[in-house]
Every structure is written in structure tokens, then in C-alpha cells.
Amino acid sequence: MAATQETSPRLKRAQALLDAYAQLSPDALVANFSSNFTHQILPASLMMPGRNREEFARHASMITSVFTKFAMEPQQIFEDHEKNVVVIYAKMVGELAGDLGEWVNECFMVLEMTEENGEVKIESIKEFVDSARAKALPEKLKVLKDGGKGDFLRDVGPDTSSLSVRPGPHVTMQL
């Protein structure tokens, strides 16, 4: 989606976020967020913790460390002008470090926008991911613990199941 004069500030910010994922830089991602930013991975059955801006940056640092290449490829983008929301259906395509091969997943992201210091920023992301693929990634990355870019698993220990069973708040999504 190329930015044109008809492209709203919300859609421009959504595209900036998608572009930032390819940089594998937590700073590039966080630059799109408001100071009150929150992130929640869904479905709730994954029991992933909600994150504020700083927690998301730490999480993104771990995630980006296991990829050598990554892209969020939008399949569909919807904008709700009245609710100040953009919804993105995207394929997540990347190359894992340590010659672990390609990683493909899908997600829906609900981006709630706000204006901060005269700019449209993302105030919250509710990210609904493919549960089976989300649970499979830590298993696939176990081999990186002893070699390659093992930062992702550094603080987890030998039992990576804790990555997908940490308690998080109950989430209700409203559009």
C-alpha cells in the first residue's frame, strides 16, 4: 500500500508499522506507538501476557534476534474512521537464524489509534495469531539455545513451555 494524498494518517501509521517489522529493530517498531501503548496477543487461550511499550520493546528484541529476515505481508487492511481503528490481516514471513529455515504464520491485528503531539500513533495492538504455529515456534527454536542467536531462549531455561503458558489478563475485544 503506497501512501497517497487520499491515504489517511491511520493507514499511513499502519503501513509504517508493517514496514518497521522488516527492519528487525525494536526501536523502529516502538517509534509508531503512543506513550500509553499496550499490546495483547490473542487468543486468550495462549495465556500470553499483555505488554506496555517498554515490555513490548524487550519482547520485540528477543523475537527479532531469532530472525535474519522478516516481513509482515498485508493481505487485507480495513479502516474504521469512527472508531479510529485499523484492522490488518497479514502473513508473517521470515527466515529463522541458525539455518532453521522459513517461518510463516498469519495474524489479525487490531490497531487502535490516538493523536499524540500532533501525530497519529498506535495506542494498542490486539494481535490474533495462529495458535498452533505460535506454540510451535519455541519448540523449533530450542536448537538455538546451544548455538546460533540464542537470545530468545536465554531467560527461559530448558523448559520453553513457559513461553506459551504465562498467565495474562482476560481480554475482551470490541470494535
N, C-alpha and C. Protein backbone atom coordinates (compact mmCIF):
# COMPACT_ATOMS: atom_id res chain seq x y z
N MET A 1 0.84 -1.17 0.00
CA MET A 1 0.00 0.00 0.00
C MET A 1 0.89 1.23 0.00
N ALA A 2 0.94 1.95 -1.07
CA ALA A 2 1.72 3.16 -1.16
C ALA A 2 0.90 4.31 -0.60
N ALA A 3 1.57 5.20 0.14
CA ALA A 3 0.88 6.35 0.71
C ALA A 3 0.55 7.34 -0.42
N THR A 4 -0.71 7.75 -0.48
CA THR A 4 -1.14 8.76 -1.45
C THR A 4 -1.82 9.88 -0.69
N GLN A 5 -2.24 10.91 -1.41
CA GLN A 5 -2.92 12.02 -0.75
C GLN A 5 -4.22 11.55 -0.11
N GLU A 6 -4.85 10.52 -0.67
CA GLU A 6 -6.10 10.02 -0.11
C GLU A 6 -5.89 9.10 1.10
N THR A 7 -4.67 8.67 1.32
CA THR A 7 -4.39 7.76 2.42
C THR A 7 -4.49 8.50 3.75
N SER A 8 -5.28 7.97 4.65
CA SER A 8 -5.48 8.62 5.95
C SER A 8 -4.23 8.51 6.82
N PRO A 9 -4.11 9.37 7.81
CA PRO A 9 -2.99 9.25 8.76
C PRO A 9 -2.97 7.90 9.48
N ARG A 10 -4.16 7.32 9.73
CA ARG A 10 -4.22 6.00 10.38
C ARG A 10 -3.60 4.94 9.48
N LEU A 11 -3.97 4.95 8.19
CA LEU A 11 -3.42 3.96 7.26
C LEU A 11 -1.92 4.17 7.04
N LYS A 12 -1.49 5.40 7.04
CA LYS A 12 -0.04 5.67 6.93
C LYS A 12 0.71 5.10 8.13
N ARG A 13 0.15 5.27 9.32
CA ARG A 13 0.79 4.74 10.53
C ARG A 13 0.78 3.22 10.50
N ALA A 14 -0.31 2.62 10.07
CA ALA A 14 -0.38 1.16 9.97
C ALA A 14 0.68 0.64 9.00
N GLN A 15 0.84 1.31 7.87
CA GLN A 15 1.86 0.90 6.90
C GLN A 15 3.26 1.10 7.47
N ALA A 16 3.46 2.17 8.23
CA ALA A 16 4.77 2.39 8.86
C ALA A 16 5.09 1.25 9.83
N LEU A 17 4.09 0.78 10.55
CA LEU A 17 4.30 -0.36 11.45
C LEU A 17 4.70 -1.60 10.66
N LEU A 18 3.95 -1.90 9.60
CA LEU A 18 4.27 -3.07 8.78
C LEU A 18 5.69 -2.97 8.23
N ASP A 19 6.07 -1.80 7.76
CA ASP A 19 7.42 -1.60 7.23
C ASP A 19 8.48 -1.77 8.32
N ALA A 20 8.16 -1.33 9.55
CA ALA A 20 9.13 -1.42 10.66
C ALA A 20 9.46 -2.87 11.01
N TYR A 21 8.50 -3.76 10.86
CA TYR A 21 8.78 -5.17 11.16
C TYR A 21 9.94 -5.70 10.31
N ALA A 22 10.04 -5.28 9.07
CA ALA A 22 11.10 -5.76 8.18
C ALA A 22 12.48 -5.28 8.60
N GLN A 23 12.54 -4.23 9.41
CA GLN A 23 13.83 -3.71 9.86
C GLN A 23 14.44 -4.54 10.99
N LEU A 24 13.65 -5.43 11.58
CA LEU A 24 14.11 -6.23 12.72
C LEU A 24 14.72 -5.35 13.81
N SER A 25 14.06 -4.22 14.04
CA SER A 25 14.54 -3.24 15.02
C SER A 25 13.41 -2.89 15.97
N PRO A 26 13.56 -3.22 17.26
CA PRO A 26 12.54 -2.82 18.23
C PRO A 26 12.31 -1.31 18.24
N ASP A 27 13.37 -0.52 18.07
CA ASP A 27 13.21 0.94 18.05
C ASP A 27 12.33 1.39 16.90
N ALA A 28 12.48 0.77 15.73
CA ALA A 28 11.66 1.13 14.58
C ALA A 28 10.19 0.81 14.86
N LEU A 29 9.93 -0.30 15.53
CA LEU A 29 8.55 -0.66 15.87
C LEU A 29 7.96 0.32 16.88
N VAL A 30 8.69 0.56 17.96
CA VAL A 30 8.22 1.38 19.06
C VAL A 30 7.99 2.83 18.62
N ALA A 31 8.70 3.29 17.60
CA ALA A 31 8.53 4.66 17.11
C ALA A 31 7.09 4.92 16.64
N ASN A 32 6.34 3.88 16.37
CA ASN A 32 4.95 4.02 15.92
C ASN A 32 3.94 4.07 17.06
N PHE A 33 4.39 3.88 18.29
CA PHE A 33 3.50 3.72 19.42
C PHE A 33 3.34 4.99 20.25
N SER A 34 2.18 5.14 20.85
CA SER A 34 1.94 6.24 21.80
C SER A 34 2.66 5.92 23.11
N SER A 35 2.71 6.90 23.97
CA SER A 35 3.35 6.70 25.28
C SER A 35 2.55 5.75 26.16
N ASN A 36 1.25 5.59 25.89
CA ASN A 36 0.39 4.69 26.68
C ASN A 36 0.12 3.38 25.95
N PHE A 37 0.96 3.00 25.04
CA PHE A 37 0.77 1.82 24.20
C PHE A 37 0.59 0.54 25.01
N THR A 38 -0.30 -0.34 24.51
CA THR A 38 -0.44 -1.69 25.06
C THR A 38 -0.52 -2.69 23.91
N HIS A 39 -0.08 -3.91 24.19
CA HIS A 39 -0.07 -4.98 23.19
C HIS A 39 -0.59 -6.24 23.85
N GLN A 40 -1.48 -6.94 23.16
CA GLN A 40 -2.00 -8.20 23.67
C GLN A 40 -2.04 -9.21 22.54
N ILE A 41 -1.46 -10.38 22.77
CA ILE A 41 -1.55 -11.47 21.81
C ILE A 41 -2.75 -12.32 22.18
N LEU A 42 -3.53 -12.63 21.17
CA LEU A 42 -4.73 -13.44 21.31
C LEU A 42 -4.60 -14.68 20.43
N PRO A 43 -5.30 -15.75 20.68
CA PRO A 43 -6.41 -15.87 21.60
C PRO A 43 -5.94 -15.94 23.05
N ALA A 44 -6.86 -15.64 23.94
CA ALA A 44 -6.55 -15.66 25.37
C ALA A 44 -6.06 -17.03 25.82
N SER A 45 -6.45 -18.10 25.10
CA SER A 45 -6.03 -19.46 25.48
C SER A 45 -4.51 -19.63 25.41
N LEU A 46 -3.81 -18.76 24.66
CA LEU A 46 -2.34 -18.81 24.65
C LEU A 46 -1.76 -18.30 25.96
N MET A 47 -2.56 -17.56 26.71
CA MET A 47 -2.16 -17.03 28.02
C MET A 47 -0.87 -16.21 27.93
N MET A 48 -0.73 -15.44 26.87
CA MET A 48 0.42 -14.56 26.72
C MET A 48 0.15 -13.27 27.50
N PRO A 49 1.17 -12.75 28.16
CA PRO A 49 0.94 -11.54 28.96
C PRO A 49 0.71 -10.31 28.09
N GLY A 50 -0.11 -9.39 28.59
CA GLY A 50 -0.23 -8.09 27.95
C GLY A 50 1.07 -7.33 28.19
N ARG A 51 1.38 -6.41 27.29
CA ARG A 51 2.64 -5.66 27.41
C ARG A 51 2.40 -4.17 27.21
N ASN A 52 3.16 -3.37 27.97
CA ASN A 52 3.16 -1.94 27.71
C ASN A 52 4.28 -1.65 26.70
N ARG A 53 4.53 -0.41 26.43
CA ARG A 53 5.51 -0.03 25.40
C ARG A 53 6.91 -0.59 25.70
N GLU A 54 7.38 -0.44 26.92
CA GLU A 54 8.72 -0.92 27.28
C GLU A 54 8.80 -2.44 27.26
N GLU A 55 7.76 -3.09 27.76
CA GLU A 55 7.74 -4.56 27.74
C GLU A 55 7.69 -5.08 26.31
N PHE A 56 6.93 -4.40 25.45
CA PHE A 56 6.89 -4.80 24.05
C PHE A 56 8.27 -4.66 23.42
N ALA A 57 8.99 -3.59 23.72
CA ALA A 57 10.33 -3.39 23.15
C ALA A 57 11.26 -4.53 23.57
N ARG A 58 11.19 -4.94 24.82
CA ARG A 58 12.02 -6.08 25.27
C ARG A 58 11.63 -7.36 24.55
N HIS A 59 10.33 -7.60 24.46
CA HIS A 59 9.83 -8.78 23.76
C HIS A 59 10.25 -8.76 22.29
N ALA A 60 10.10 -7.60 21.65
CA ALA A 60 10.48 -7.47 20.24
C ALA A 60 11.97 -7.70 20.05
N SER A 61 12.77 -7.30 21.01
CA SER A 61 14.21 -7.53 20.93
C SER A 61 14.52 -9.02 20.91
N MET A 62 13.82 -9.78 21.74
CA MET A 62 14.01 -11.23 21.76
C MET A 62 13.54 -11.86 20.45
N ILE A 63 12.35 -11.47 20.01
CA ILE A 63 11.80 -12.05 18.79
C ILE A 63 12.66 -11.71 17.58
N THR A 64 13.05 -10.46 17.43
CA THR A 64 13.84 -10.08 16.25
C THR A 64 15.21 -10.74 16.25
N SER A 65 15.70 -11.15 17.41
CA SER A 65 17.02 -11.78 17.47
C SER A 65 17.03 -13.18 16.86
N VAL A 66 15.88 -13.79 16.65
CA VAL A 66 15.85 -15.15 16.10
C VAL A 66 15.57 -15.16 14.60
N PHE A 67 15.40 -14.00 14.01
CA PHE A 67 15.15 -13.90 12.57
C PHE A 67 16.30 -13.20 11.87
N THR A 68 16.62 -13.66 10.68
CA THR A 68 17.57 -12.96 9.83
C THR A 68 16.84 -12.09 8.81
N LYS A 69 15.58 -12.40 8.60
CA LYS A 69 14.72 -11.65 7.67
C LYS A 69 13.29 -11.85 8.13
N PHE A 70 12.48 -10.78 8.02
CA PHE A 70 11.10 -10.89 8.47
C PHE A 70 10.26 -9.84 7.74
N ALA A 71 9.04 -10.19 7.40
CA ALA A 71 8.12 -9.24 6.78
C ALA A 71 6.69 -9.55 7.21
N MET A 72 5.95 -8.49 7.39
CA MET A 72 4.50 -8.58 7.59
C MET A 72 3.89 -8.24 6.24
N GLU A 73 3.30 -9.23 5.59
CA GLU A 73 2.74 -9.03 4.25
C GLU A 73 1.23 -8.88 4.37
N PRO A 74 0.74 -7.63 4.24
CA PRO A 74 -0.70 -7.42 4.41
C PRO A 74 -1.50 -8.10 3.32
N GLN A 75 -2.52 -8.82 3.73
CA GLN A 75 -3.44 -9.46 2.80
C GLN A 75 -4.69 -8.60 2.64
N GLN A 76 -5.14 -8.01 3.74
CA GLN A 76 -6.27 -7.09 3.73
C GLN A 76 -6.09 -6.08 4.84
N ILE A 77 -6.53 -4.86 4.58
CA ILE A 77 -6.48 -3.79 5.57
C ILE A 77 -7.83 -3.08 5.56
N PHE A 78 -8.40 -2.91 6.75
CA PHE A 78 -9.68 -2.23 6.91
C PHE A 78 -9.49 -1.05 7.86
N GLU A 79 -10.19 0.03 7.59
CA GLU A 79 -10.13 1.20 8.46
C GLU A 79 -11.53 1.56 8.92
N ASP A 80 -11.68 1.80 10.21
CA ASP A 80 -12.93 2.30 10.78
C ASP A 80 -12.67 3.73 11.23
N HIS A 81 -13.14 4.69 10.43
CA HIS A 81 -12.90 6.10 10.71
C HIS A 81 -13.52 6.52 12.05
N GLU A 82 -14.74 6.05 12.31
CA GLU A 82 -15.45 6.47 13.51
C GLU A 82 -14.79 5.98 14.79
N LYS A 83 -14.26 4.78 14.75
CA LYS A 83 -13.66 4.21 15.96
C LYS A 83 -12.14 4.40 16.02
N ASN A 84 -11.57 5.01 14.97
CA ASN A 84 -10.15 5.30 14.95
C ASN A 84 -9.32 4.02 15.02
N VAL A 85 -9.73 3.02 14.23
CA VAL A 85 -9.14 1.69 14.27
C VAL A 85 -8.77 1.24 12.85
N VAL A 86 -7.65 0.53 12.76
CA VAL A 86 -7.25 -0.15 11.52
C VAL A 86 -7.11 -1.63 11.85
N VAL A 87 -7.66 -2.48 11.02
CA VAL A 87 -7.55 -3.93 11.18
C VAL A 87 -6.75 -4.47 10.00
N ILE A 88 -5.74 -5.27 10.31
CA ILE A 88 -4.87 -5.83 9.28
C ILE A 88 -4.88 -7.35 9.37
N TYR A 89 -5.10 -7.99 8.25
CA TYR A 89 -4.86 -9.43 8.13
C TYR A 89 -3.55 -9.54 7.37
N ALA A 90 -2.56 -10.20 7.98
CA ALA A 90 -1.23 -10.27 7.38
C ALA A 90 -0.63 -11.66 7.50
N LYS A 91 0.22 -11.96 6.54
CA LYS A 91 1.09 -13.13 6.64
C LYS A 91 2.40 -12.65 7.24
N MET A 92 2.92 -13.42 8.17
CA MET A 92 4.21 -13.14 8.79
C MET A 92 5.20 -14.12 8.17
N VAL A 93 6.16 -13.61 7.43
CA VAL A 93 7.09 -14.46 6.69
C VAL A 93 8.50 -14.08 7.08
N GLY A 94 9.28 -15.06 7.50
CA GLY A 94 10.64 -14.76 7.90
C GLY A 94 11.57 -15.94 7.71
N GLU A 95 12.85 -15.64 7.85
CA GLU A 95 13.90 -16.65 7.85
C GLU A 95 14.46 -16.73 9.27
N LEU A 96 14.46 -17.92 9.84
CA LEU A 96 14.97 -18.11 11.19
C LEU A 96 16.49 -18.21 11.17
N ALA A 97 17.09 -17.70 12.22
CA ALA A 97 18.54 -17.80 12.38
C ALA A 97 18.94 -19.27 12.55
N GLY A 98 20.21 -19.53 12.45
CA GLY A 98 20.71 -20.89 12.67
C GLY A 98 20.31 -21.86 11.59
N ASP A 99 20.04 -21.36 10.39
CA ASP A 99 19.64 -22.20 9.27
C ASP A 99 18.42 -23.06 9.59
N LEU A 100 17.49 -22.51 10.38
CA LEU A 100 16.28 -23.25 10.73
C LEU A 100 15.19 -23.11 9.68
N GLY A 101 15.46 -22.30 8.66
CA GLY A 101 14.53 -22.23 7.53
C GLY A 101 13.50 -21.14 7.66
N GLU A 102 12.52 -21.25 6.77
CA GLU A 102 11.46 -20.23 6.67
C GLU A 102 10.45 -20.41 7.79
N TRP A 103 9.90 -19.28 8.25
CA TRP A 103 8.82 -19.29 9.22
C TRP A 103 7.66 -18.50 8.63
N VAL A 104 6.48 -19.12 8.58
CA VAL A 104 5.30 -18.45 8.06
C VAL A 104 4.18 -18.61 9.08
N ASN A 105 3.50 -17.52 9.36
CA ASN A 105 2.37 -17.52 10.26
C ASN A 105 1.37 -16.50 9.73
N GLU A 106 0.23 -16.41 10.35
CA GLU A 106 -0.78 -15.43 9.98
C GLU A 106 -1.23 -14.71 11.24
N CYS A 107 -1.71 -13.49 11.04
CA CYS A 107 -2.26 -12.77 12.17
C CYS A 107 -3.30 -11.76 11.71
N PHE A 108 -4.16 -11.41 12.63
CA PHE A 108 -5.03 -10.25 12.51
C PHE A 108 -4.56 -9.28 13.59
N MET A 109 -4.38 -8.04 13.22
CA MET A 109 -4.00 -7.02 14.20
C MET A 109 -5.07 -5.93 14.19
N VAL A 110 -5.57 -5.62 15.38
CA VAL A 110 -6.49 -4.51 15.56
C VAL A 110 -5.66 -3.38 16.16
N LEU A 111 -5.47 -2.32 15.38
CA LEU A 111 -4.66 -1.17 15.81
C LEU A 111 -5.60 -0.05 16.22
N GLU A 112 -5.59 0.28 17.49
CA GLU A 112 -6.36 1.43 17.98
C GLU A 112 -5.42 2.62 17.97
N MET A 113 -5.88 3.71 17.35
CA MET A 113 -5.04 4.88 17.15
C MET A 113 -5.41 6.00 18.11
N THR A 114 -4.45 6.91 18.29
CA THR A 114 -4.67 8.11 19.08
C THR A 114 -3.80 9.21 18.48
N GLU A 115 -4.08 10.44 18.86
CA GLU A 115 -3.22 11.54 18.43
C GLU A 115 -2.37 11.95 19.62
N GLU A 116 -1.08 12.07 19.36
CA GLU A 116 -0.13 12.44 20.41
C GLU A 116 0.89 13.40 19.81
N ASN A 117 1.00 14.57 20.39
CA ASN A 117 1.94 15.59 19.90
C ASN A 117 1.74 15.87 18.42
N GLY A 118 0.47 15.93 17.99
CA GLY A 118 0.16 16.26 16.61
C GLY A 118 0.35 15.15 15.60
N GLU A 119 0.65 13.95 16.08
CA GLU A 119 0.85 12.79 15.19
C GLU A 119 -0.11 11.67 15.56
N VAL A 120 -0.54 10.92 14.56
CA VAL A 120 -1.31 9.71 14.83
C VAL A 120 -0.33 8.63 15.26
N LYS A 121 -0.62 8.02 16.40
CA LYS A 121 0.21 6.94 16.93
C LYS A 121 -0.68 5.75 17.26
N ILE A 122 -0.08 4.60 17.39
CA ILE A 122 -0.81 3.39 17.75
C ILE A 122 -0.87 3.30 19.28
N GLU A 123 -2.09 3.27 19.80
CA GLU A 123 -2.26 3.20 21.25
C GLU A 123 -2.37 1.77 21.74
N SER A 124 -2.92 0.89 20.91
CA SER A 124 -2.96 -0.51 21.32
C SER A 124 -2.99 -1.41 20.09
N ILE A 125 -2.41 -2.60 20.28
CA ILE A 125 -2.49 -3.66 19.27
C ILE A 125 -3.05 -4.88 19.95
N LYS A 126 -4.10 -5.41 19.38
CA LYS A 126 -4.61 -6.73 19.76
C LYS A 126 -4.27 -7.62 18.58
N GLU A 127 -3.36 -8.55 18.80
CA GLU A 127 -2.81 -9.37 17.73
C GLU A 127 -3.27 -10.81 17.88
N PHE A 128 -4.12 -11.26 16.97
CA PHE A 128 -4.65 -12.61 16.99
C PHE A 128 -3.81 -13.46 16.06
N VAL A 129 -3.10 -14.46 16.63
CA VAL A 129 -2.17 -15.27 15.84
C VAL A 129 -2.67 -16.71 15.72
N ASP A 130 -2.11 -17.42 14.77
CA ASP A 130 -2.37 -18.85 14.59
C ASP A 130 -1.81 -19.57 15.81
N SER A 131 -2.68 -20.11 16.65
CA SER A 131 -2.28 -20.71 17.92
C SER A 131 -1.30 -21.86 17.75
N ALA A 132 -1.57 -22.74 16.81
CA ALA A 132 -0.70 -23.90 16.61
C ALA A 132 0.70 -23.46 16.22
N ARG A 133 0.80 -22.49 15.32
CA ARG A 133 2.11 -22.01 14.88
C ARG A 133 2.81 -21.26 16.02
N ALA A 134 2.05 -20.49 16.80
CA ALA A 134 2.65 -19.74 17.91
C ALA A 134 3.26 -20.70 18.93
N LYS A 135 2.60 -21.81 19.19
CA LYS A 135 3.12 -22.79 20.14
C LYS A 135 4.29 -23.57 19.56
N ALA A 136 4.35 -23.70 18.24
CA ALA A 136 5.42 -24.47 17.60
C ALA A 136 6.75 -23.71 17.55
N LEU A 137 6.71 -22.38 17.54
CA LEU A 137 7.95 -21.62 17.41
C LEU A 137 8.94 -21.88 18.54
N PRO A 138 8.55 -21.86 19.81
CA PRO A 138 9.53 -22.15 20.87
C PRO A 138 10.17 -23.53 20.72
N GLU A 139 9.39 -24.51 20.28
CA GLU A 139 9.94 -25.84 20.06
C GLU A 139 11.00 -25.82 18.97
N LYS A 140 10.69 -25.13 17.89
CA LYS A 140 11.63 -25.05 16.78
C LYS A 140 12.90 -24.32 17.19
N LEU A 141 12.76 -23.36 18.09
CA LEU A 141 13.91 -22.54 18.49
C LEU A 141 14.77 -23.17 19.58
N LYS A 142 14.35 -24.29 20.13
CA LYS A 142 15.15 -24.95 21.17
C LYS A 142 16.58 -25.21 20.70
N VAL A 143 16.75 -25.49 19.42
CA VAL A 143 18.09 -25.77 18.90
C VAL A 143 18.99 -24.54 18.95
N LEU A 144 18.42 -23.36 19.01
CA LEU A 144 19.23 -22.15 19.09
C LEU A 144 19.77 -21.90 20.49
N LYS A 145 19.25 -22.59 21.48
CA LYS A 145 19.69 -22.37 22.85
C LYS A 145 21.18 -22.65 23.01
N ASP A 146 21.68 -23.65 22.32
CA ASP A 146 23.08 -24.01 22.46
C ASP A 146 23.97 -23.45 21.36
N GLY A 147 23.38 -22.85 20.36
CA GLY A 147 24.18 -22.28 19.28
C GLY A 147 23.37 -21.27 18.51
N GLY A 148 24.01 -20.52 17.67
CA GLY A 148 23.31 -19.51 16.89
C GLY A 148 22.94 -18.32 17.75
N LYS A 149 21.85 -17.67 17.42
CA LYS A 149 21.38 -16.48 18.13
C LYS A 149 20.41 -16.90 19.22
N GLY A 150 20.91 -17.37 20.32
CA GLY A 150 20.06 -17.94 21.36
C GLY A 150 19.46 -16.94 22.32
N ASP A 151 19.51 -15.64 22.05
CA ASP A 151 18.99 -14.64 22.97
C ASP A 151 17.53 -14.88 23.32
N PHE A 152 16.74 -15.37 22.38
CA PHE A 152 15.31 -15.56 22.59
C PHE A 152 15.05 -16.50 23.75
N LEU A 153 15.88 -17.51 23.89
CA LEU A 153 15.65 -18.51 24.93
C LEU A 153 16.55 -18.32 26.15
N ARG A 154 17.35 -17.29 26.17
CA ARG A 154 18.33 -17.09 27.23
C ARG A 154 17.70 -17.13 28.61
N ASP A 155 16.58 -16.46 28.80
CA ASP A 155 15.98 -16.36 30.13
C ASP A 155 14.90 -17.39 30.39
N VAL A 156 14.69 -18.30 29.47
CA VAL A 156 13.59 -19.25 29.60
C VAL A 156 14.01 -20.52 30.30
N GLY A 157 15.25 -20.96 30.07
CA GLY A 157 15.71 -22.21 30.64
C GLY A 157 15.37 -23.36 29.72
N PRO A 158 15.63 -24.58 30.17
CA PRO A 158 15.41 -25.73 29.30
C PRO A 158 13.96 -26.00 28.95
N ASP A 159 13.03 -25.54 29.78
CA ASP A 159 11.61 -25.80 29.52
C ASP A 159 11.00 -24.59 28.83
N THR A 160 10.89 -24.62 27.52
CA THR A 160 10.36 -23.48 26.77
C THR A 160 8.84 -23.43 26.82
N SER A 161 8.19 -24.38 27.47
CA SER A 161 6.73 -24.34 27.53
C SER A 161 6.24 -23.09 28.25
N SER A 162 7.09 -22.51 29.11
CA SER A 162 6.66 -21.31 29.82
C SER A 162 6.42 -20.14 28.89
N LEU A 163 6.91 -20.21 27.66
CA LEU A 163 6.69 -19.13 26.71
C LEU A 163 5.23 -19.01 26.31
N SER A 164 4.49 -20.10 26.36
CA SER A 164 3.11 -20.03 25.89
C SER A 164 2.10 -20.26 27.01
N VAL A 165 2.54 -20.34 28.25
CA VAL A 165 1.57 -20.58 29.33
C VAL A 165 1.70 -19.56 30.45
N ARG A 166 2.32 -18.43 30.18
CA ARG A 166 2.40 -17.41 31.22
C ARG A 166 1.03 -16.76 31.36
N PRO A 167 0.56 -16.59 32.59
CA PRO A 167 -0.76 -16.02 32.77
C PRO A 167 -0.84 -14.58 32.29
N GLY A 168 -1.95 -14.24 31.69
CA GLY A 168 -2.18 -12.87 31.23
C GLY A 168 -3.61 -12.47 31.57
N PRO A 169 -3.91 -11.21 31.43
CA PRO A 169 -5.26 -10.74 31.79
C PRO A 169 -6.29 -11.25 30.77
N HIS A 170 -7.51 -11.37 31.23
CA HIS A 170 -8.61 -11.71 30.33
C HIS A 170 -8.79 -10.56 29.35
N VAL A 171 -8.99 -10.86 28.11
CA VAL A 171 -9.07 -9.83 27.09
C VAL A 171 -10.46 -9.83 26.46
N THR A 172 -11.05 -8.68 26.35
CA THR A 172 -12.29 -8.51 25.61
C THR A 172 -12.00 -7.54 24.48
N MET A 173 -12.29 -7.95 23.26
CA MET A 173 -12.03 -7.11 22.11
C MET A 173 -13.33 -6.53 21.60
N GLN A 174 -13.37 -5.21 21.49
CA GLN A 174 -14.55 -4.54 20.97
C GLN A 174 -14.15 -3.73 19.76
N LEU A 175 -14.97 -3.77 18.73
CA LEU A 175 -14.76 -2.92 17.55
C LEU A 175 -15.89 -1.94 17.42
